[in-house]
C-alpha atoms as a PDB file:
ATOM      1  CA  MET A   1      10.676  30.469  -2.758  1.00  0.00           C
ATOM      2  CA  SER A   2      12.838  27.401  -2.329  1.00  0.00           C
ATOM      3  CA  VAL A   3      11.713  23.886  -3.046  1.00  0.00           C
ATOM      4  CA  PRO A   4      12.275  21.536  -0.214  1.00  0.00           C
ATOM      5  CA  LYS A   5      14.778  18.738  -0.634  1.00  0.00           C
ATOM      6  CA  TYR A   6      13.577  15.171  -0.143  1.00  0.00           C
ATOM      7  CA  SER A   7      15.410  12.057   0.793  1.00  0.00           C
ATOM      8  CA  ASP A   8      16.149   9.154  -1.433  1.00  0.00           C
ATOM      9  CA  ARG A   9      13.338   7.359   0.322  1.00  0.00           C
ATOM     10  CA  VAL A  10      10.599   9.318  -1.566  1.00  0.00           C
ATOM     11  CA  ASP A  11      12.334   8.295  -4.842  1.00  0.00           C
ATOM     12  CA  GLU A  12      12.392   4.684  -3.690  1.00  0.00           C
ATOM     13  CA  VAL A  13       8.643   4.795  -2.808  1.00  0.00           C
ATOM     14  CA  PHE A  14       7.540   6.191  -6.161  1.00  0.00           C
ATOM     15  CA  LYS A  15       9.834   3.814  -8.035  1.00  0.00           C
ATOM     16  CA  ALA A  16       8.347   0.847  -6.122  1.00  0.00           C
ATOM     17  CA  LEU A  17       4.931   1.964  -6.563  1.00  0.00           C
ATOM     18  CA  ALA A  18       5.367   2.453 -10.261  1.00  0.00           C
ATOM     19  CA  ASP A  19       5.172  -1.251 -10.913  1.00  0.00           C
ATOM     20  CA  PRO A  20       1.664  -2.796 -11.044  1.00  0.00           C
ATOM     21  CA  THR A  21       2.726  -6.053  -9.329  1.00  0.00           C
ATOM     22  CA  ARG A  22       4.119  -4.196  -6.425  1.00  0.00           C
ATOM     23  CA  ARG A  23       0.937  -2.090  -6.216  1.00  0.00           C
ATOM     24  CA  LYS A  24      -1.094  -5.163  -6.104  1.00  0.00           C
ATOM     25  CA  VAL A  25       1.060  -6.617  -3.182  1.00  0.00           C
ATOM     26  CA  ILE A  26       0.417  -3.347  -1.292  1.00  0.00           C
ATOM     27  CA  GLU A  27      -3.229  -3.621  -1.942  1.00  0.00           C
ATOM     28  CA  ARG A  28      -3.305  -7.283  -0.716  1.00  0.00           C
ATOM     29  CA  LEU A  29      -1.445  -6.331   2.457  1.00  0.00           C
ATOM     30  CA  VAL A  30      -3.996  -3.688   3.357  1.00  0.00           C
ATOM     31  CA  SER A  31      -6.231  -6.696   4.523  1.00  0.00           C
ATOM     32  CA  GLY A  32      -3.434  -7.915   6.719  1.00  0.00           C
ATOM     33  CA  PRO A  33       0.058  -9.657   6.885  1.00  0.00           C
ATOM     34  CA  ALA A  34       0.624 -12.499   4.389  1.00  0.00           C
ATOM     35  CA  SER A  35       3.455 -14.988   3.732  1.00  0.00           C
ATOM     36  CA  THR A  36       5.647 -14.885   0.644  1.00  0.00           C
ATOM     37  CA  SER A  37       3.833 -17.768  -0.894  1.00  0.00           C
ATOM     38  CA  ASP A  38       0.415 -16.294  -0.348  1.00  0.00           C
ATOM     39  CA  LEU A  39       1.490 -12.932  -1.777  1.00  0.00           C
ATOM     40  CA  ALA A  40       3.071 -14.718  -4.873  1.00  0.00           C
ATOM     41  CA  GLU A  41       0.073 -16.994  -5.522  1.00  0.00           C
ATOM     42  CA  PRO A  42      -1.984 -14.783  -7.822  1.00  0.00           C
ATOM     43  CA  PHE A  43       1.076 -13.967  -9.949  1.00  0.00           C
ATOM     44  CA  SER A  44       2.408 -16.160 -12.836  1.00  0.00           C
ATOM     45  CA  MET A  45       6.227 -15.579 -12.205  1.00  0.00           C
ATOM     46  CA  ALA A  46       8.960 -17.614 -10.580  1.00  0.00           C
ATOM     47  CA  LEU A  47       9.248 -17.187  -6.930  1.00  0.00           C
ATOM     48  CA  PRO A  48      12.777 -15.526  -7.130  1.00  0.00           C
ATOM     49  CA  SER A  49      11.453 -12.874  -9.453  1.00  0.00           C
ATOM     50  CA  PHE A  50       8.481 -12.237  -7.061  1.00  0.00           C
ATOM     51  CA  THR A  51      10.718 -11.987  -4.045  1.00  0.00           C
ATOM     52  CA  GLN A  52      12.811  -9.330  -5.919  1.00  0.00           C
ATOM     53  CA  HIS A  53       9.499  -7.212  -5.921  1.00  0.00           C
ATOM     54  CA  LEU A  54       9.142  -7.794  -2.160  1.00  0.00           C
ATOM     55  CA  GLY A  55      12.753  -6.677  -1.703  1.00  0.00           C
ATOM     56  CA  VAL A  56      12.056  -3.362  -3.600  1.00  0.00           C
ATOM     57  CA  LEU A  57       8.984  -2.733  -1.278  1.00  0.00           C
ATOM     58  CA  GLU A  58      11.059  -3.353   1.818  1.00  0.00           C
ATOM     59  CA  ARG A  59      13.929  -1.242   0.693  1.00  0.00           C
ATOM     60  CA  ALA A  60      11.409   1.553   0.004  1.00  0.00           C
ATOM     61  CA  GLY A  61      10.017   1.155   3.485  1.00  0.00           C
ATOM     62  CA  LEU A  62       6.524   0.236   2.227  1.00  0.00           C
ATOM     63  CA  VAL A  63       6.695  -3.252   3.883  1.00  0.00           C
ATOM     64  CA  THR A  64       8.455  -4.981   6.695  1.00  0.00           C
ATOM     65  CA  SER A  65       9.180  -8.725   6.976  1.00  0.00           C
ATOM     66  CA  SER A  66       9.743 -11.195   9.810  1.00  0.00           C
ATOM     67  CA  LYS A  67      10.771 -14.782   9.662  1.00  0.00           C
ATOM     68  CA  ALA A  68       9.546 -17.718  11.700  1.00  0.00           C
ATOM     69  CA  GLY A  69      11.168 -20.926  10.709  1.00  0.00           C
ATOM     70  CA  ARG A  70      10.953 -21.135   6.873  1.00  0.00           C
ATOM     71  CA  ILE A  71       8.018 -18.703   6.575  1.00  0.00           C
ATOM     72  CA  ARG A  72       8.708 -15.065   5.912  1.00  0.00           C
ATOM     73  CA  THR A  73       5.548 -12.798   6.619  1.00  0.00           C
ATOM     74  CA  TYR A  74       5.182  -9.302   5.216  1.00  0.00           C
ATOM     75  CA  ARG A  75       3.207  -6.409   6.708  1.00  0.00           C
ATOM     76  CA  LEU A  76       2.583  -2.879   5.595  1.00  0.00           C
ATOM     77  CA  SER A  77       4.783  -0.190   6.947  1.00  0.00           C
ATOM     78  CA  ALA A  78       3.671   3.426   7.188  1.00  0.00           C
ATOM     79  CA  ALA A  79       7.216   4.835   6.906  1.00  0.00           C
ATOM     80  CA  GLY A  80       7.390   4.766   3.116  1.00  0.00           C
ATOM     81  CA  LEU A  81       3.868   6.151   2.676  1.00  0.00           C
ATOM     82  CA  ASP A  82       4.518   8.829   5.193  1.00  0.00           C
ATOM     83  CA  ALA A  83       7.645  10.102   3.196  1.00  0.00           C
ATOM     84  CA  ALA A  84       5.526  10.019  -0.052  1.00  0.00           C
ATOM     85  CA  GLN A  85       2.550  11.720   1.627  1.00  0.00           C
ATOM     86  CA  GLY A  86       4.772  14.591   2.948  1.00  0.00           C
ATOM     87  CA  TRP A  87       6.174  15.252  -0.464  1.00  0.00           C
ATOM     88  CA  LEU A  88       2.751  15.311  -1.981  1.00  0.00           C
ATOM     89  CA  ALA A  89       1.370  17.545   0.737  1.00  0.00           C
ATOM     90  CA  ASP A  90       4.285  20.020   0.039  1.00  0.00           C
ATOM     91  CA  GLN A  91       3.479  19.954  -3.680  1.00  0.00           C
ATOM     92  CA  ARG A  92      -0.213  20.533  -3.035  1.00  0.00           C
ATOM     93  CA  ARG A  93       0.712  23.552  -0.914  1.00  0.00           C
ATOM     94  CA  LEU A  94       2.977  25.037  -3.587  1.00  0.00           C
ATOM     95  CA  TRP A  95       0.300  24.589  -6.202  1.00  0.00           C
ATOM     96  CA  GLU A  96      -2.383  26.118  -4.015  1.00  0.00           C
ATOM     97  CA  GLN A  97      -0.185  29.055  -3.394  1.00  0.00           C
ATOM     98  CA  ARG A  98       0.346  29.437  -7.118  1.00  0.00           C
ATOM     99  CA  LEU A  99      -3.256  29.182  -7.987  1.00  0.00           C
ATOM    100  CA  ASP A 100      -4.142  31.754  -5.261  1.00  0.00           C
ATOM    101  CA  GLN A 101      -1.566  34.197  -6.677  1.00  0.00           C
ATOM    102  CA  LEU A 102      -3.053  33.611 -10.168  1.00  0.00           C
ATOM    103  CA  ASP A 103      -6.585  34.191  -8.873  1.00  0.00           C
ATOM    104  CA  THR A 104      -5.333  37.642  -7.193  1.00  0.00           C
ATOM    105  CA  PHE A 105      -3.749  38.510 -10.463  1.00  0.00           C
ATOM    106  CA  LEU A 106      -6.834  37.688 -12.487  1.00  0.00           C
ATOM    107  CA  VAL A 107      -9.170  39.605 -10.113  1.00  0.00           C
ATOM    108  CA  LYS A 108      -6.839  42.686 -10.372  1.00  0.00           C
ATOM    109  CA  GLN A 109      -6.946  42.418 -14.131  1.00  0.00           C
ATOM    110  CA  GLN A 110     -10.598  42.270 -14.195  1.00  0.00           C
ATOM    111  CA  GLU A 111     -10.969  45.356 -11.952  1.00  0.00           C
ATOM    112  CA  GLN A 112      -8.729  47.240 -14.229  1.00  0.00           C
ATOM    113  CA  THR A 113     -10.798  46.660 -17.315  1.00  0.00           C
END
């Protein structure tokens, strides 16, 4: 059985979600689009440091941004989550198959005793 190969996007998604600040940004964006300053408000860090977090999320495909004048607005993007969800679904299928094989083996062992 071969293990499917995944793009670098999945790696980027999990790296992006590994940081608690970025997870909180994602959680905030679930309720709708927000500007950079609105997203940064709850965090006690310099704006340039915070925008680096937004850049990581954008490169991972988890958010998109648009600019109107001087205001940049961020929105959730399904692309990154879809890549991660596909990887997780494949892992689940592999483990379910392995557990089914173990169950079959254990039932045969029990029948032989």
